Amino acid sequence: MTDPKDRAAPEFDRDIDMTSVVSFGIGLALVMTIVLALVWFLVSFWKGRQIARDPAPSPIAQANEPRLPPEPRLQSAPSRDMQELRAQESATLSSYGWVDRQAGIARIPIDRAIDLVLEKGLPVAAPQETPAPKRRTPRRPRRVR
């Protein structure tokens, strides 16, 4: 009879040396890390050398740098622009401030303006005297001969 321990273990476990497989994997990972670090340092060194060897840009190229096109321009972020506009309008509508300080014109928040209208009512214009309509004298009909 065979030992029950031998039946439970698969046949291929006896042929594989697990310490060799694990040590090979660790060694491969270390070698890859060293190679990648060496490549990174070489690329950064070569990049620095290449930048140092590049000629200075031409003054003509600097003078012809791209400029912004004339107004009106397309919006690069219309949703952000709309949010900024609404925030600015909301701040204007809900705060006190001068519209024209020289003329003495100021703005008040909408809520306060509504309260003032409820307290005092809307201003009523004084009735103006209407001029009497001018009467036209009727023309006499012409006789046709």
C-alpha atoms as a PDB file:
ATOM      1  CA  MET A   1       0.000   0.000   0.000  1.00  0.00           C
ATOM      2  CA  THR A   2       1.006   3.566  -0.667  1.00  0.00           C
ATOM      3  CA  ASP A   3       1.188   6.337   1.822  1.00  0.00           C
ATOM      4  CA  PRO A   4      -1.966   8.623   1.838  1.00  0.00           C
ATOM      5  CA  LYS A   5       0.274  11.699   1.923  1.00  0.00           C
ATOM      6  CA  ASP A   6       1.705  10.801  -1.479  1.00  0.00           C
ATOM      7  CA  ARG A   7      -1.753  10.526  -3.043  1.00  0.00           C
ATOM      8  CA  ALA A   8      -2.817  14.005  -1.869  1.00  0.00           C
ATOM      9  CA  ALA A   9       0.205  15.788  -3.351  1.00  0.00           C
ATOM     10  CA  PRO A  10       0.009  16.393  -7.097  1.00  0.00           C
ATOM     11  CA  GLU A  11       2.668  14.822  -9.249  1.00  0.00           C
ATOM     12  CA  PHE A  12       4.089  18.065 -10.648  1.00  0.00           C
ATOM     13  CA  ASP A  13       4.995  19.547  -7.209  1.00  0.00           C
ATOM     14  CA  ARG A  14       7.922  17.153  -6.932  1.00  0.00           C
ATOM     15  CA  ASP A  15       9.444  18.338 -10.217  1.00  0.00           C
ATOM     16  CA  ILE A  16       9.356  22.133  -9.533  1.00  0.00           C
ATOM     17  CA  ASP A  17      11.892  23.791  -7.267  1.00  0.00           C
ATOM     18  CA  MET A  18       9.821  26.685  -5.867  1.00  0.00           C
ATOM     19  CA  THR A  19      12.790  28.499  -4.304  1.00  0.00           C
ATOM     20  CA  SER A  20      14.462  28.717  -7.711  1.00  0.00           C
ATOM     21  CA  VAL A  21      11.282  30.053  -9.359  1.00  0.00           C
ATOM     22  CA  VAL A  22      10.712  32.686  -6.665  1.00  0.00           C
ATOM     23  CA  SER A  23      14.362  33.772  -6.615  1.00  0.00           C
ATOM     24  CA  PHE A  24      14.326  34.051 -10.453  1.00  0.00           C
ATOM     25  CA  GLY A  25      11.189  36.267 -10.284  1.00  0.00           C
ATOM     26  CA  ILE A  26      12.738  38.528  -7.630  1.00  0.00           C
ATOM     27  CA  GLY A  27      15.976  38.757  -9.597  1.00  0.00           C
ATOM     28  CA  LEU A  28      14.076  39.587 -12.797  1.00  0.00           C
ATOM     29  CA  ALA A  29      12.134  42.340 -10.997  1.00  0.00           C
ATOM     30  CA  LEU A  30      15.366  43.831  -9.604  1.00  0.00           C
ATOM     31  CA  VAL A  31      17.095  43.753 -12.992  1.00  0.00           C
ATOM     32  CA  MET A  32      14.075  45.401 -14.663  1.00  0.00           C
ATOM     33  CA  THR A  33      14.011  48.140 -11.998  1.00  0.00           C
ATOM     34  CA  ILE A  34      17.736  48.834 -12.455  1.00  0.00           C
ATOM     35  CA  VAL A  35      17.429  48.898 -16.262  1.00  0.00           C
ATOM     36  CA  LEU A  36      14.415  51.241 -16.188  1.00  0.00           C
ATOM     37  CA  ALA A  37      16.189  53.600 -13.753  1.00  0.00           C
ATOM     38  CA  LEU A  38      19.301  53.604 -15.959  1.00  0.00           C
ATOM     39  CA  VAL A  39      17.216  54.370 -19.077  1.00  0.00           C
ATOM     40  CA  TRP A  40      15.411  57.197 -17.262  1.00  0.00           C
ATOM     41  CA  PHE A  41      18.723  58.781 -16.174  1.00  0.00           C
ATOM     42  CA  LEU A  42      20.181  58.434 -19.680  1.00  0.00           C
ATOM     43  CA  VAL A  43      17.144  60.036 -21.312  1.00  0.00           C
ATOM     44  CA  SER A  44      17.173  62.975 -18.886  1.00  0.00           C
ATOM     45  CA  PHE A  45      20.954  63.429 -19.454  1.00  0.00           C
ATOM     46  CA  TRP A  46      20.552  63.354 -23.259  1.00  0.00           C
ATOM     47  CA  LYS A  47      17.599  65.717 -23.090  1.00  0.00           C
ATOM     48  CA  GLY A  48      19.678  68.252 -21.137  1.00  0.00           C
ATOM     49  CA  ARG A  49      22.532  67.981 -23.641  1.00  0.00           C
ATOM     50  CA  GLN A  50      20.147  68.441 -26.573  1.00  0.00           C
ATOM     51  CA  ILE A  51      18.553  71.529 -25.020  1.00  0.00           C
ATOM     52  CA  ALA A  52      22.008  73.005 -24.420  1.00  0.00           C
ATOM     53  CA  ARG A  53      22.959  72.427 -28.092  1.00  0.00           C
ATOM     54  CA  ASP A  54      19.763  73.966 -29.500  1.00  0.00           C
ATOM     55  CA  PRO A  55      20.357  77.375 -31.104  1.00  0.00           C
ATOM     56  CA  ALA A  56      18.710  80.477 -29.665  1.00  0.00           C
ATOM     57  CA  PRO A  57      15.381  81.355 -31.306  1.00  0.00           C
ATOM     58  CA  SER A  58      15.449  83.917 -34.086  1.00  0.00           C
ATOM     59  CA  PRO A  59      14.372  87.455 -33.162  1.00  0.00           C
ATOM     60  CA  ILE A  60      12.047  87.366 -36.159  1.00  0.00           C
ATOM     61  CA  ALA A  61      10.299  84.313 -34.737  1.00  0.00           C
ATOM     62  CA  GLN A  62       9.931  86.057 -31.392  1.00  0.00           C
ATOM     63  CA  ALA A  63       8.492  89.150 -33.087  1.00  0.00           C
ATOM     64  CA  ASN A  64       5.971  87.024 -34.971  1.00  0.00           C
ATOM     65  CA  GLU A  65       4.634  85.194 -31.939  1.00  0.00           C
ATOM     66  CA  PRO A  66       0.964  84.357 -32.259  1.00  0.00           C
ATOM     67  CA  ARG A  67      -1.279  87.125 -31.002  1.00  0.00           C
ATOM     68  CA  LEU A  68      -4.865  86.929 -29.914  1.00  0.00           C
ATOM     69  CA  PRO A  69      -7.330  87.578 -32.721  1.00  0.00           C
ATOM     70  CA  PRO A  70      -9.421  90.745 -32.547  1.00  0.00           C
ATOM     71  CA  GLU A  71     -12.677  90.848 -30.641  1.00  0.00           C
ATOM     72  CA  PRO A  72     -15.148  89.122 -30.618  1.00  0.00           C
ATOM     73  CA  ARG A  73     -13.442  85.814 -29.888  1.00  0.00           C
ATOM     74  CA  LEU A  74     -14.920  82.387 -29.409  1.00  0.00           C
ATOM     75  CA  GLN A  75     -15.354  81.329 -25.822  1.00  0.00           C
ATOM     76  CA  SER A  76     -12.950  78.658 -24.658  1.00  0.00           C
ATOM     77  CA  ALA A  77     -15.188  77.616 -21.736  1.00  0.00           C
ATOM     78  CA  PRO A  78     -18.742  78.893 -22.278  1.00  0.00           C
ATOM     79  CA  SER A  79     -20.259  77.117 -19.279  1.00  0.00           C
ATOM     80  CA  ARG A  80     -17.637  78.594 -16.925  1.00  0.00           C
ATOM     81  CA  ASP A  81     -18.156  82.035 -18.485  1.00  0.00           C
ATOM     82  CA  MET A  82     -21.919  81.730 -17.929  1.00  0.00           C
ATOM     83  CA  GLN A  83     -21.403  80.739 -14.275  1.00  0.00           C
ATOM     84  CA  GLU A  84     -19.099  83.730 -13.746  1.00  0.00           C
ATOM     85  CA  LEU A  85     -21.603  86.073 -15.406  1.00  0.00           C
ATOM     86  CA  ARG A  86     -24.485  84.780 -13.281  1.00  0.00           C
ATOM     87  CA  ALA A  87     -22.404  85.070 -10.100  1.00  0.00           C
ATOM     88  CA  GLN A  88     -21.479  88.649 -11.007  1.00  0.00           C
ATOM     89  CA  GLU A  89     -25.101  89.547 -11.785  1.00  0.00           C
ATOM     90  CA  SER A  90     -26.305  87.935  -8.561  1.00  0.00           C
ATOM     91  CA  ALA A  91     -23.733  89.902  -6.572  1.00  0.00           C
ATOM     92  CA  THR A  92     -24.815  93.122  -8.291  1.00  0.00           C
ATOM     93  CA  LEU A  93     -28.528  92.469  -7.699  1.00  0.00           C
ATOM     94  CA  SER A  94     -28.094  91.612  -4.030  1.00  0.00           C
ATOM     95  CA  SER A  95     -25.758  94.389  -2.864  1.00  0.00           C
ATOM     96  CA  TYR A  96     -25.673  98.137  -2.345  1.00  0.00           C
ATOM     97  CA  GLY A  97     -23.489 100.245  -4.590  1.00  0.00           C
ATOM     98  CA  TRP A  98     -23.139 103.344  -6.708  1.00  0.00           C
ATOM     99  CA  VAL A  99     -24.341 103.406 -10.291  1.00  0.00           C
ATOM    100  CA  ASP A 100     -23.255 107.022 -10.821  1.00  0.00           C
ATOM    101  CA  ARG A 101     -21.761 108.711  -7.773  1.00  0.00           C
ATOM    102  CA  GLN A 102     -21.572 112.141  -9.425  1.00  0.00           C
ATOM    103  CA  ALA A 103     -25.293 112.123 -10.236  1.00  0.00           C
ATOM    104  CA  GLY A 104     -26.178 110.527  -6.883  1.00  0.00           C
ATOM    105  CA  ILE A 105     -27.654 107.350  -8.416  1.00  0.00           C
ATOM    106  CA  ALA A 106     -27.252 104.225  -6.285  1.00  0.00           C
ATOM    107  CA  ARG A 107     -28.528 100.661  -6.446  1.00  0.00           C
ATOM    108  CA  ILE A 108     -30.130  98.654  -3.667  1.00  0.00           C
ATOM    109  CA  PRO A 109     -30.809  94.927  -3.374  1.00  0.00           C
ATOM    110  CA  ILE A 110     -33.973  93.658  -5.024  1.00  0.00           C
ATOM    111  CA  ASP A 111     -35.426  92.346  -1.760  1.00  0.00           C
ATOM    112  CA  ARG A 112     -35.033  95.749  -0.119  1.00  0.00           C
ATOM    113  CA  ALA A 113     -36.583  97.487  -3.144  1.00  0.00           C
ATOM    114  CA  ILE A 114     -39.614  95.177  -2.977  1.00  0.00           C
ATOM    115  CA  ASP A 115     -39.995  95.929   0.746  1.00  0.00           C
ATOM    116  CA  LEU A 116     -39.867  99.683   0.069  1.00  0.00           C
ATOM    117  CA  VAL A 117     -42.500  99.415  -2.677  1.00  0.00           C
ATOM    118  CA  LEU A 118     -44.756  97.426  -0.342  1.00  0.00           C
ATOM    119  CA  GLU A 119     -44.354 100.030   2.406  1.00  0.00           C
ATOM    120  CA  LYS A 120     -44.720 103.180   0.327  1.00  0.00           C
ATOM    121  CA  GLY A 121     -46.521 101.987  -2.781  1.00  0.00           C
ATOM    122  CA  LEU A 122     -45.713 102.826  -6.352  1.00  0.00           C
ATOM    123  CA  PRO A 123     -45.275 106.493  -7.195  1.00  0.00           C
ATOM    124  CA  VAL A 124     -48.240 107.962  -9.018  1.00  0.00           C
ATOM    125  CA  ALA A 125     -47.652 110.567 -11.678  1.00  0.00           C
ATOM    126  CA  ALA A 126     -49.590 113.807 -11.306  1.00  0.00           C
ATOM    127  CA  PRO A 127     -52.415 114.006 -13.816  1.00  0.00           C
ATOM    128  CA  GLN A 128     -51.595 116.304 -16.658  1.00  0.00           C
ATOM    129  CA  GLU A 129     -54.110 118.583 -18.179  1.00  0.00           C
ATOM    130  CA  THR A 130     -54.987 117.373 -21.606  1.00  0.00           C
ATOM    131  CA  PRO A 131     -55.182 120.055 -24.233  1.00  0.00           C
ATOM    132  CA  ALA A 132     -58.498 120.478 -25.957  1.00  0.00           C
ATOM    133  CA  PRO A 133     -58.569 118.890 -29.353  1.00  0.00           C
ATOM    134  CA  LYS A 134     -58.414 121.313 -32.236  1.00  0.00           C
ATOM    135  CA  ARG A 135     -61.539 121.506 -34.281  1.00  0.00           C
ATOM    136  CA  ARG A 136     -61.164 121.486 -37.936  1.00  0.00           C
ATOM    137  CA  THR A 137     -63.636 123.262 -40.046  1.00  0.00           C
ATOM    138  CA  PRO A 138     -65.077 120.997 -42.664  1.00  0.00           C
ATOM    139  CA  ARG A 139     -64.234 121.818 -46.213  1.00  0.00           C
ATOM    140  CA  ARG A 140     -66.917 122.761 -48.547  1.00  0.00           C
ATOM    141  CA  PRO A 141     -67.403 120.247 -51.270  1.00  0.00           C
ATOM    142  CA  ARG A 142     -66.446 121.444 -54.709  1.00  0.00           C
ATOM    143  CA  ARG A 143     -68.971 121.555 -57.390  1.00  0.00           C
ATOM    144  CA  VAL A 144     -68.189 119.584 -60.397  1.00  0.00           C
ATOM    145  CA  ARG A 145     -69.270 121.194 -63.671  1.00  0.00           C
END
